[in-house]
Amino acid sequence: MRTIAQTQTMIIQDSDTQKTIFRVLVCALIILSLCYVYFIGSITFNVLARKSLEINKREVANRVGGLELEYLALASSINAKFGQEIGFVDAKETIFARRIQDRVALR
């Protein structure tokens, strides 16, 4: 009789253990599934953000190239004639300041 009682107790404990293990495995599966969905979503959004940044980078590079061409065109049009048209005049008398080298400053 005692053997039958021990066997029934072991079956009951084994059943509880199986339920506990099953619940742990189901919870782990749910958590891992959520992590998987999060990481796949994160990767997808990062790829889209990167493509958007590359498009913006190309647009900015094109704009900079256009501005450089505009600058070069304007820089080549600046000459002495253009300076005279906007009011600049040639310097008639130039004065240079010289520094005397034989004095030493002490601190």
N, C-alpha and C. Protein backbone atom coordinates (compact mmCIF):
# COMPACT_ATOMS: atom_id res chain seq x y z
N MET A 1 0.81 -1.19 0.00
CA MET A 1 0.00 0.00 0.00
C MET A 1 0.87 1.27 0.00
N ARG A 2 1.93 1.17 0.74
CA ARG A 2 2.81 2.33 0.82
C ARG A 2 3.47 2.60 -0.52
N THR A 3 3.80 1.63 -1.26
CA THR A 3 4.43 1.77 -2.57
C THR A 3 3.47 2.45 -3.54
N ILE A 4 2.21 2.09 -3.47
CA ILE A 4 1.21 2.71 -4.34
C ILE A 4 1.06 4.19 -4.01
N ALA A 5 1.08 4.55 -2.76
CA ALA A 5 0.96 5.94 -2.34
C ALA A 5 2.17 6.74 -2.80
N GLN A 6 3.37 6.18 -2.70
CA GLN A 6 4.57 6.87 -3.16
C GLN A 6 4.54 7.06 -4.67
N THR A 7 4.07 6.06 -5.37
CA THR A 7 3.98 6.16 -6.82
C THR A 7 3.00 7.25 -7.23
N GLN A 8 1.86 7.33 -6.58
CA GLN A 8 0.87 8.37 -6.88
C GLN A 8 1.43 9.76 -6.53
N THR A 9 2.16 9.86 -5.43
CA THR A 9 2.78 11.13 -5.06
C THR A 9 3.81 11.56 -6.11
N MET A 10 4.61 10.62 -6.59
CA MET A 10 5.62 10.94 -7.61
C MET A 10 4.95 11.37 -8.91
N ILE A 11 3.85 10.72 -9.26
CA ILE A 11 3.13 11.08 -10.48
C ILE A 11 2.57 12.50 -10.36
N ILE A 12 2.02 12.81 -9.20
CA ILE A 12 1.47 14.16 -8.97
C ILE A 12 2.60 15.19 -9.01
N GLN A 13 3.72 14.91 -8.34
CA GLN A 13 4.84 15.86 -8.35
C GLN A 13 5.42 15.99 -9.76
N ASP A 14 5.51 14.88 -10.45
CA ASP A 14 6.01 14.89 -11.82
C ASP A 14 5.09 15.71 -12.72
N SER A 15 3.81 15.61 -12.51
CA SER A 15 2.84 16.39 -13.28
C SER A 15 2.99 17.88 -13.00
N ASP A 16 3.19 18.24 -11.73
CA ASP A 16 3.42 19.65 -11.38
C ASP A 16 4.72 20.17 -12.00
N THR A 17 5.72 19.34 -11.97
CA THR A 17 7.00 19.73 -12.56
C THR A 17 6.84 19.92 -14.07
N GLN A 18 6.13 19.02 -14.71
CA GLN A 18 5.90 19.14 -16.14
C GLN A 18 5.14 20.42 -16.48
N LYS A 19 4.13 20.75 -15.67
CA LYS A 19 3.37 21.98 -15.89
C LYS A 19 4.26 23.21 -15.73
N THR A 20 5.10 23.18 -14.72
CA THR A 20 6.00 24.31 -14.48
C THR A 20 6.99 24.46 -15.63
N ILE A 21 7.57 23.36 -16.06
CA ILE A 21 8.51 23.41 -17.18
C ILE A 21 7.81 23.89 -18.45
N PHE A 22 6.60 23.40 -18.68
CA PHE A 22 5.83 23.83 -19.86
C PHE A 22 5.56 25.33 -19.82
N ARG A 23 5.17 25.84 -18.66
CA ARG A 23 4.90 27.28 -18.53
C ARG A 23 6.16 28.11 -18.76
N VAL A 24 7.28 27.64 -18.21
CA VAL A 24 8.55 28.36 -18.40
C VAL A 24 8.91 28.38 -19.89
N LEU A 25 8.78 27.24 -20.54
CA LEU A 25 9.11 27.18 -21.96
C LEU A 25 8.19 28.05 -22.81
N VAL A 26 6.90 28.07 -22.48
CA VAL A 26 5.97 28.92 -23.23
C VAL A 26 6.30 30.39 -23.01
N CYS A 27 6.60 30.78 -21.77
CA CYS A 27 6.99 32.17 -21.49
C CYS A 27 8.27 32.54 -22.23
N ALA A 28 9.24 31.63 -22.23
CA ALA A 28 10.50 31.89 -22.95
C ALA A 28 10.24 32.04 -24.44
N LEU A 29 9.36 31.21 -24.98
CA LEU A 29 9.03 31.30 -26.39
C LEU A 29 8.36 32.63 -26.72
N ILE A 30 7.47 33.07 -25.87
CA ILE A 30 6.80 34.36 -26.09
C ILE A 30 7.81 35.51 -26.02
N ILE A 31 8.69 35.48 -25.01
CA ILE A 31 9.69 36.56 -24.86
C ILE A 31 10.64 36.57 -26.05
N LEU A 32 11.11 35.40 -26.48
CA LEU A 32 12.01 35.34 -27.63
C LEU A 32 11.31 35.78 -28.91
N SER A 33 10.03 35.45 -29.04
CA SER A 33 9.27 35.90 -30.22
C SER A 33 9.15 37.42 -30.25
N LEU A 34 8.87 38.00 -29.10
CA LEU A 34 8.78 39.47 -29.02
C LEU A 34 10.12 40.13 -29.33
N CYS A 35 11.20 39.54 -28.81
CA CYS A 35 12.53 40.08 -29.11
C CYS A 35 12.82 39.98 -30.61
N TYR A 36 12.44 38.86 -31.21
CA TYR A 36 12.66 38.67 -32.64
C TYR A 36 11.90 39.73 -33.45
N VAL A 37 10.65 39.95 -33.12
CA VAL A 37 9.85 40.95 -33.82
C VAL A 37 10.45 42.34 -33.63
N TYR A 38 10.90 42.65 -32.42
CA TYR A 38 11.52 43.96 -32.15
C TYR A 38 12.77 44.16 -32.99
N PHE A 39 13.65 43.15 -33.01
CA PHE A 39 14.90 43.30 -33.75
C PHE A 39 14.67 43.37 -35.25
N ILE A 40 13.75 42.59 -35.78
CA ILE A 40 13.44 42.66 -37.21
C ILE A 40 12.88 44.04 -37.55
N GLY A 41 11.98 44.55 -36.71
CA GLY A 41 11.44 45.90 -36.93
C GLY A 41 12.51 46.96 -36.85
N SER A 42 13.41 46.82 -35.89
CA SER A 42 14.50 47.78 -35.73
C SER A 42 15.41 47.77 -36.96
N ILE A 43 15.73 46.59 -37.45
CA ILE A 43 16.58 46.49 -38.63
C ILE A 43 15.88 47.13 -39.83
N THR A 44 14.60 46.87 -39.99
CA THR A 44 13.86 47.43 -41.11
C THR A 44 13.84 48.96 -41.06
N PHE A 45 13.54 49.52 -39.89
CA PHE A 45 13.51 50.98 -39.78
C PHE A 45 14.90 51.59 -39.96
N ASN A 46 15.95 50.90 -39.51
CA ASN A 46 17.30 51.42 -39.71
C ASN A 46 17.68 51.42 -41.18
N VAL A 47 17.26 50.40 -41.91
CA VAL A 47 17.55 50.36 -43.35
C VAL A 47 16.83 51.50 -44.05
N LEU A 48 15.58 51.73 -43.69
CA LEU A 48 14.83 52.83 -44.31
C LEU A 48 15.45 54.18 -43.97
N ALA A 49 15.87 54.35 -42.72
CA ALA A 49 16.50 55.61 -42.32
C ALA A 49 17.81 55.82 -43.07
N ARG A 50 18.56 54.75 -43.26
CA ARG A 50 19.83 54.86 -43.97
C ARG A 50 19.60 55.26 -45.43
N LYS A 51 18.60 54.66 -46.07
CA LYS A 51 18.30 55.03 -47.45
C LYS A 51 17.89 56.50 -47.54
N SER A 52 17.11 56.95 -46.57
CA SER A 52 16.69 58.35 -46.55
C SER A 52 17.90 59.27 -46.39
N LEU A 53 18.82 58.90 -45.51
CA LEU A 53 20.02 59.71 -45.31
C LEU A 53 20.90 59.72 -46.56
N GLU A 54 20.98 58.60 -47.26
CA GLU A 54 21.77 58.57 -48.49
C GLU A 54 21.17 59.47 -49.55
N ILE A 55 19.85 59.48 -49.63
CA ILE A 55 19.18 60.37 -50.58
C ILE A 55 19.45 61.83 -50.23
N ASN A 56 19.35 62.16 -48.94
CA ASN A 56 19.64 63.53 -48.50
C ASN A 56 21.09 63.90 -48.77
N LYS A 57 22.00 62.94 -48.57
CA LYS A 57 23.42 63.20 -48.82
C LYS A 57 23.66 63.50 -50.29
N ARG A 58 23.00 62.74 -51.17
CA ARG A 58 23.14 63.00 -52.60
C ARG A 58 22.60 64.37 -52.97
N GLU A 59 21.46 64.75 -52.41
CA GLU A 59 20.86 66.06 -52.70
C GLU A 59 21.78 67.18 -52.23
N VAL A 60 22.35 67.03 -51.04
CA VAL A 60 23.25 68.06 -50.52
C VAL A 60 24.52 68.14 -51.37
N ALA A 61 25.05 66.98 -51.78
CA ALA A 61 26.25 66.98 -52.62
C ALA A 61 25.98 67.66 -53.96
N ASN A 62 24.81 67.41 -54.53
CA ASN A 62 24.45 68.08 -55.79
C ASN A 62 24.32 69.58 -55.60
N ARG A 63 23.72 69.96 -54.48
CA ARG A 63 23.56 71.39 -54.20
C ARG A 63 24.91 72.07 -54.00
N VAL A 64 25.81 71.39 -53.27
CA VAL A 64 27.15 71.94 -53.06
C VAL A 64 27.88 72.06 -54.39
N GLY A 65 27.76 71.05 -55.24
CA GLY A 65 28.39 71.13 -56.56
C GLY A 65 27.88 72.30 -57.37
N GLY A 66 26.57 72.54 -57.32
CA GLY A 66 26.01 73.69 -58.03
C GLY A 66 26.52 75.01 -57.48
N LEU A 67 26.61 75.09 -56.16
CA LEU A 67 27.13 76.32 -55.55
C LEU A 67 28.60 76.53 -55.88
N GLU A 68 29.37 75.45 -55.97
CA GLU A 68 30.78 75.58 -56.35
C GLU A 68 30.91 76.09 -57.77
N LEU A 69 30.08 75.57 -58.67
CA LEU A 69 30.11 76.07 -60.05
C LEU A 69 29.72 77.54 -60.11
N GLU A 70 28.72 77.91 -59.35
CA GLU A 70 28.30 79.32 -59.31
C GLU A 70 29.43 80.20 -58.77
N TYR A 71 30.11 79.72 -57.72
CA TYR A 71 31.23 80.47 -57.15
C TYR A 71 32.35 80.64 -58.17
N LEU A 72 32.69 79.56 -58.86
CA LEU A 72 33.76 79.65 -59.85
C LEU A 72 33.40 80.61 -60.98
N ALA A 73 32.15 80.60 -61.40
CA ALA A 73 31.72 81.52 -62.45
C ALA A 73 31.81 82.96 -61.97
N LEU A 74 31.39 83.21 -60.73
CA LEU A 74 31.47 84.58 -60.19
C LEU A 74 32.92 84.99 -59.93
N ALA A 75 33.75 84.05 -59.45
CA ALA A 75 35.15 84.39 -59.16
C ALA A 75 35.90 84.72 -60.44
N SER A 76 35.58 84.07 -61.54
CA SER A 76 36.28 84.36 -62.79
C SER A 76 35.83 85.68 -63.40
N SER A 77 34.69 86.19 -62.97
CA SER A 77 34.22 87.47 -63.52
C SER A 77 34.77 88.67 -62.75
N ILE A 78 35.46 88.43 -61.64
CA ILE A 78 36.05 89.53 -60.87
C ILE A 78 37.42 89.87 -61.45
N ASN A 79 37.57 91.11 -61.92
CA ASN A 79 38.84 91.59 -62.47
C ASN A 79 38.93 93.10 -62.22
N ALA A 80 39.94 93.72 -62.75
CA ALA A 80 40.16 95.15 -62.52
C ALA A 80 39.03 95.99 -63.11
N LYS A 81 38.54 95.61 -64.26
CA LYS A 81 37.44 96.36 -64.89
C LYS A 81 36.19 96.32 -64.01
N PHE A 82 35.88 95.14 -63.48
CA PHE A 82 34.73 95.01 -62.60
C PHE A 82 34.91 95.86 -61.34
N GLY A 83 36.13 95.90 -60.80
CA GLY A 83 36.41 96.73 -59.63
C GLY A 83 36.18 98.20 -59.90
N GLN A 84 36.59 98.66 -61.06
CA GLN A 84 36.38 100.06 -61.42
C GLN A 84 34.90 100.36 -61.62
N GLU A 85 34.14 99.40 -62.14
CA GLU A 85 32.71 99.61 -62.33
C GLU A 85 31.97 99.79 -61.01
N ILE A 86 32.43 99.11 -59.98
CA ILE A 86 31.73 99.24 -58.70
C ILE A 86 32.34 100.30 -57.79
N GLY A 87 33.36 101.03 -58.28
CA GLY A 87 33.84 102.18 -57.54
C GLY A 87 35.23 102.08 -56.95
N PHE A 88 35.92 101.02 -57.17
CA PHE A 88 37.29 100.93 -56.68
C PHE A 88 38.22 101.72 -57.59
N VAL A 89 39.26 102.31 -57.01
CA VAL A 89 40.23 103.06 -57.80
C VAL A 89 41.62 102.52 -57.51
N ASP A 90 42.54 102.78 -58.44
CA ASP A 90 43.92 102.36 -58.25
C ASP A 90 44.57 103.23 -57.19
N ALA A 91 45.40 102.62 -56.38
CA ALA A 91 46.13 103.38 -55.35
C ALA A 91 47.27 104.13 -56.02
N LYS A 92 47.30 105.46 -55.81
CA LYS A 92 48.32 106.29 -56.45
C LYS A 92 49.61 106.26 -55.65
N GLU A 93 49.49 106.42 -54.38
CA GLU A 93 50.67 106.49 -53.54
C GLU A 93 50.56 105.42 -52.46
N THR A 94 51.49 104.52 -52.45
CA THR A 94 51.45 103.48 -51.43
C THR A 94 52.45 103.80 -50.34
N ILE A 95 52.06 103.61 -49.13
CA ILE A 95 52.91 103.88 -47.98
C ILE A 95 53.09 102.57 -47.23
N PHE A 96 54.34 102.25 -46.94
CA PHE A 96 54.63 101.04 -46.20
C PHE A 96 55.17 101.40 -44.83
N ALA A 97 54.78 100.68 -43.85
CA ALA A 97 55.31 100.88 -42.50
C ALA A 97 56.41 99.85 -42.29
N ARG A 98 57.53 100.32 -41.76
CA ARG A 98 58.64 99.41 -41.49
C ARG A 98 58.82 99.27 -40.00
N ARG A 99 59.33 98.16 -39.63
CA ARG A 99 59.59 97.88 -38.23
C ARG A 99 61.09 97.91 -38.00
N ILE A 100 61.47 98.58 -36.92
CA ILE A 100 62.88 98.67 -36.60
C ILE A 100 63.27 97.39 -35.85
N GLN A 101 64.28 96.71 -36.37
CA GLN A 101 64.65 95.40 -35.84
C GLN A 101 65.70 95.48 -34.73
N ASP A 102 66.33 96.65 -34.50
CA ASP A 102 67.43 96.68 -33.54
C ASP A 102 66.96 96.81 -32.09
N ARG A 103 65.69 96.91 -31.83
CA ARG A 103 65.19 97.00 -30.46
C ARG A 103 64.58 95.68 -30.05
N VAL A 104 64.82 95.32 -28.81
CA VAL A 104 64.31 94.05 -28.28
C VAL A 104 63.38 94.38 -27.14
N ALA A 105 62.23 93.78 -27.12
CA ALA A 105 61.28 94.00 -26.02
C ALA A 105 61.57 92.97 -24.93
N LEU A 106 61.67 93.49 -23.71
CA LEU A 106 61.89 92.62 -22.56
C LEU A 106 60.65 92.60 -21.70
N ARG A 107 60.39 91.47 -21.12
CA ARG A 107 59.23 91.37 -20.25
C ARG A 107 59.67 91.12 -18.84
